[in-house]
Amino acid sequence: MTTSETDVRATITEFLQRVGKAAEFDSSTRLFADGLGLDSLETAELSALLEDEHGRDPFSAGDMPQTVGEIEAFYASVA
């Protein structure tokens, strides 16, 4: 299964809209605190959604992603 950067961003945007967070971001946007502001529950939800939509979970593949770009890079590396 190939997952493009556009597909990953669409999944993240859909998730952010569903949880009522600002959906404007780029590759350098941090996932936590001063970035998207995800808490632990939202991180788990995003992890599950990414796995459901794209077949793999970047949050359980080793190092915890800290930015949107790290999630995109994960999917680029498994393509």
N, C-alpha and C. Protein backbone atom coordinates (compact mmCIF):
# COMPACT_ATOMS: atom_id res chain seq x y z
N MET A 1 0.85 -1.18 0.00
CA MET A 1 0.00 0.00 0.00
C MET A 1 0.89 1.23 0.00
N THR A 2 0.70 2.10 -0.97
CA THR A 2 1.45 3.35 -1.00
C THR A 2 0.60 4.47 -0.44
N THR A 3 1.25 5.31 0.31
CA THR A 3 0.57 6.44 0.93
C THR A 3 1.34 7.70 0.58
N SER A 4 0.68 8.61 -0.12
CA SER A 4 1.34 9.85 -0.50
C SER A 4 1.27 10.87 0.63
N GLU A 5 2.11 11.89 0.52
CA GLU A 5 2.10 12.98 1.49
C GLU A 5 0.71 13.61 1.55
N THR A 6 0.08 13.74 0.39
CA THR A 6 -1.26 14.33 0.33
C THR A 6 -2.26 13.48 1.09
N ASP A 7 -2.16 12.15 0.97
CA ASP A 7 -3.06 11.25 1.70
C ASP A 7 -2.88 11.38 3.21
N VAL A 8 -1.62 11.44 3.64
CA VAL A 8 -1.32 11.57 5.07
C VAL A 8 -1.87 12.89 5.60
N ARG A 9 -1.62 13.96 4.86
CA ARG A 9 -2.12 15.28 5.29
C ARG A 9 -3.64 15.31 5.34
N ALA A 10 -4.29 14.66 4.39
CA ALA A 10 -5.76 14.62 4.40
C ALA A 10 -6.27 13.89 5.64
N THR A 11 -5.61 12.80 6.01
CA THR A 11 -6.01 12.05 7.21
C THR A 11 -5.82 12.90 8.45
N ILE A 12 -4.69 13.59 8.55
CA ILE A 12 -4.42 14.43 9.71
C ILE A 12 -5.42 15.59 9.77
N THR A 13 -5.70 16.20 8.63
CA THR A 13 -6.67 17.31 8.57
C THR A 13 -8.05 16.85 9.02
N GLU A 14 -8.48 15.69 8.52
CA GLU A 14 -9.78 15.13 8.91
C GLU A 14 -9.83 14.92 10.42
N PHE A 15 -8.77 14.36 10.97
CA PHE A 15 -8.72 14.10 12.41
C PHE A 15 -8.78 15.42 13.19
N LEU A 16 -7.99 16.40 12.80
CA LEU A 16 -7.96 17.68 13.52
C LEU A 16 -9.33 18.36 13.50
N GLN A 17 -10.00 18.30 12.36
CA GLN A 17 -11.33 18.89 12.27
C GLN A 17 -12.30 18.16 13.20
N ARG A 18 -12.19 16.85 13.26
CA ARG A 18 -13.08 16.06 14.10
C ARG A 18 -12.90 16.37 15.58
N VAL A 19 -11.66 16.64 16.02
CA VAL A 19 -11.42 16.93 17.43
C VAL A 19 -11.41 18.42 17.73
N GLY A 20 -11.72 19.25 16.73
CA GLY A 20 -11.87 20.68 16.95
C GLY A 20 -10.57 21.45 17.12
N LYS A 21 -9.52 20.98 16.45
CA LYS A 21 -8.23 21.68 16.50
C LYS A 21 -7.97 22.36 15.17
N ALA A 22 -7.14 23.39 15.20
CA ALA A 22 -6.78 24.10 13.98
C ALA A 22 -6.15 23.12 12.99
N ALA A 23 -6.59 23.19 11.74
CA ALA A 23 -6.13 22.23 10.74
C ALA A 23 -5.07 22.81 9.81
N GLU A 24 -4.47 23.92 10.19
CA GLU A 24 -3.40 24.50 9.37
C GLU A 24 -2.06 24.03 9.90
N PHE A 25 -1.28 23.39 9.03
CA PHE A 25 0.02 22.87 9.44
C PHE A 25 0.88 22.64 8.21
N ASP A 26 2.17 22.45 8.45
CA ASP A 26 3.10 22.06 7.39
C ASP A 26 4.00 20.97 7.96
N SER A 27 4.99 20.57 7.22
CA SER A 27 5.85 19.46 7.65
C SER A 27 6.60 19.74 8.94
N SER A 28 6.87 21.01 9.21
CA SER A 28 7.65 21.33 10.41
C SER A 28 6.78 21.51 11.65
N THR A 29 5.47 21.44 11.51
CA THR A 29 4.58 21.64 12.65
C THR A 29 4.74 20.50 13.65
N ARG A 30 4.97 20.89 14.89
CA ARG A 30 5.09 19.91 15.98
C ARG A 30 3.72 19.34 16.30
N LEU A 31 3.69 18.09 16.72
CA LEU A 31 2.42 17.42 17.03
C LEU A 31 1.87 17.82 18.39
N PHE A 32 2.77 18.19 19.30
CA PHE A 32 2.38 18.42 20.69
C PHE A 32 2.56 19.89 21.06
N ALA A 33 2.22 20.23 22.27
CA ALA A 33 2.41 21.55 22.88
C ALA A 33 2.15 22.71 21.93
N ASP A 34 3.21 23.40 21.53
CA ASP A 34 3.06 24.64 20.76
C ASP A 34 2.74 24.41 19.29
N GLY A 35 2.60 23.15 18.86
CA GLY A 35 2.23 22.85 17.48
C GLY A 35 0.74 22.58 17.37
N LEU A 36 0.40 21.34 17.09
CA LEU A 36 -1.01 20.96 16.99
C LEU A 36 -1.65 20.82 18.35
N GLY A 37 -0.84 20.68 19.38
CA GLY A 37 -1.37 20.60 20.75
C GLY A 37 -2.06 19.30 21.07
N LEU A 38 -1.62 18.19 20.45
CA LEU A 38 -2.25 16.90 20.74
C LEU A 38 -1.93 16.46 22.15
N ASP A 39 -2.93 15.90 22.83
CA ASP A 39 -2.68 15.28 24.14
C ASP A 39 -2.53 13.78 23.90
N SER A 40 -2.35 13.02 24.97
CA SER A 40 -2.07 11.58 24.82
C SER A 40 -3.24 10.82 24.20
N LEU A 41 -4.46 11.17 24.56
CA LEU A 41 -5.62 10.49 23.98
C LEU A 41 -5.75 10.82 22.49
N GLU A 42 -5.57 12.08 22.13
CA GLU A 42 -5.65 12.47 20.72
C GLU A 42 -4.54 11.81 19.91
N THR A 43 -3.36 11.67 20.51
CA THR A 43 -2.26 10.99 19.83
C THR A 43 -2.62 9.54 19.56
N ALA A 44 -3.23 8.88 20.53
CA ALA A 44 -3.65 7.48 20.34
C ALA A 44 -4.72 7.39 19.26
N GLU A 45 -5.66 8.33 19.25
CA GLU A 45 -6.71 8.34 18.23
C GLU A 45 -6.12 8.55 16.84
N LEU A 46 -5.18 9.51 16.72
CA LEU A 46 -4.55 9.76 15.43
C LEU A 46 -3.77 8.53 14.98
N SER A 47 -3.07 7.90 15.90
CA SER A 47 -2.32 6.69 15.60
C SER A 47 -3.24 5.61 15.02
N ALA A 48 -4.37 5.38 15.66
CA ALA A 48 -5.32 4.37 15.20
C ALA A 48 -5.91 4.73 13.84
N LEU A 49 -6.22 6.00 13.64
CA LEU A 49 -6.78 6.44 12.37
C LEU A 49 -5.77 6.27 11.24
N LEU A 50 -4.51 6.64 11.48
CA LEU A 50 -3.48 6.48 10.46
C LEU A 50 -3.30 5.01 10.10
N GLU A 51 -3.33 4.14 11.10
CA GLU A 51 -3.20 2.72 10.82
C GLU A 51 -4.42 2.20 10.04
N ASP A 52 -5.61 2.62 10.42
CA ASP A 52 -6.81 2.20 9.70
C ASP A 52 -6.79 2.66 8.25
N GLU A 53 -6.39 3.90 8.04
CA GLU A 53 -6.43 4.50 6.70
C GLU A 53 -5.27 4.06 5.81
N HIS A 54 -4.09 3.84 6.41
CA HIS A 54 -2.88 3.65 5.61
C HIS A 54 -2.14 2.35 5.89
N GLY A 55 -2.70 1.51 6.77
CA GLY A 55 -2.17 0.18 6.97
C GLY A 55 -0.98 0.04 7.91
N ARG A 56 -0.43 1.14 8.34
CA ARG A 56 0.70 1.11 9.27
C ARG A 56 0.58 2.28 10.25
N ASP A 57 1.20 2.09 11.40
CA ASP A 57 1.12 3.09 12.47
C ASP A 57 2.51 3.66 12.76
N PRO A 58 2.74 4.93 12.43
CA PRO A 58 4.07 5.50 12.67
C PRO A 58 4.41 5.66 14.15
N PHE A 59 3.42 5.61 15.02
CA PHE A 59 3.66 5.80 16.45
C PHE A 59 4.16 4.53 17.13
N SER A 60 4.01 3.39 16.50
CA SER A 60 4.48 2.15 17.11
C SER A 60 5.66 1.56 16.35
N ALA A 61 6.26 2.33 15.48
CA ALA A 61 7.33 1.84 14.62
C ALA A 61 8.73 2.14 15.16
N GLY A 62 8.84 2.56 16.39
CA GLY A 62 10.15 2.91 16.94
C GLY A 62 10.05 4.23 17.67
N ASP A 63 10.80 5.21 17.19
CA ASP A 63 10.77 6.54 17.81
C ASP A 63 9.43 7.22 17.58
N MET A 64 8.93 7.88 18.61
CA MET A 64 7.66 8.61 18.53
C MET A 64 7.84 9.83 17.63
N PRO A 65 7.03 9.95 16.56
CA PRO A 65 7.13 11.14 15.72
C PRO A 65 6.83 12.40 16.53
N GLN A 66 7.56 13.46 16.24
CA GLN A 66 7.37 14.73 16.93
C GLN A 66 6.79 15.81 16.02
N THR A 67 6.87 15.59 14.69
CA THR A 67 6.36 16.57 13.74
C THR A 67 5.52 15.88 12.66
N VAL A 68 4.76 16.68 11.95
CA VAL A 68 3.99 16.16 10.81
C VAL A 68 4.96 15.57 9.79
N GLY A 69 6.09 16.23 9.57
CA GLY A 69 7.08 15.75 8.61
C GLY A 69 7.62 14.38 8.96
N GLU A 70 7.77 14.08 10.23
CA GLU A 70 8.25 12.75 10.65
C GLU A 70 7.21 11.67 10.32
N ILE A 71 5.93 12.01 10.42
CA ILE A 71 4.88 11.07 10.02
C ILE A 71 4.95 10.87 8.50
N GLU A 72 5.08 11.95 7.75
CA GLU A 72 5.18 11.85 6.30
C GLU A 72 6.40 11.03 5.89
N ALA A 73 7.52 11.25 6.56
CA ALA A 73 8.75 10.51 6.25
C ALA A 73 8.59 9.02 6.54
N PHE A 74 7.86 8.69 7.61
CA PHE A 74 7.60 7.28 7.93
C PHE A 74 6.90 6.61 6.75
N TYR A 75 5.84 7.22 6.25
CA TYR A 75 5.10 6.61 5.16
C TYR A 75 5.91 6.58 3.87
N ALA A 76 6.75 7.59 3.64
CA ALA A 76 7.62 7.59 2.46
C ALA A 76 8.62 6.46 2.54
N SER A 77 9.09 6.15 3.75
CA SER A 77 10.11 5.09 3.90
C SER A 77 9.53 3.69 3.78
N VAL A 78 8.25 3.51 4.01
CA VAL A 78 7.65 2.18 3.90
C VAL A 78 6.96 1.97 2.55
N ALA A 79 6.99 3.00 1.72
CA ALA A 79 6.34 2.90 0.40
C ALA A 79 7.11 2.00 -0.54
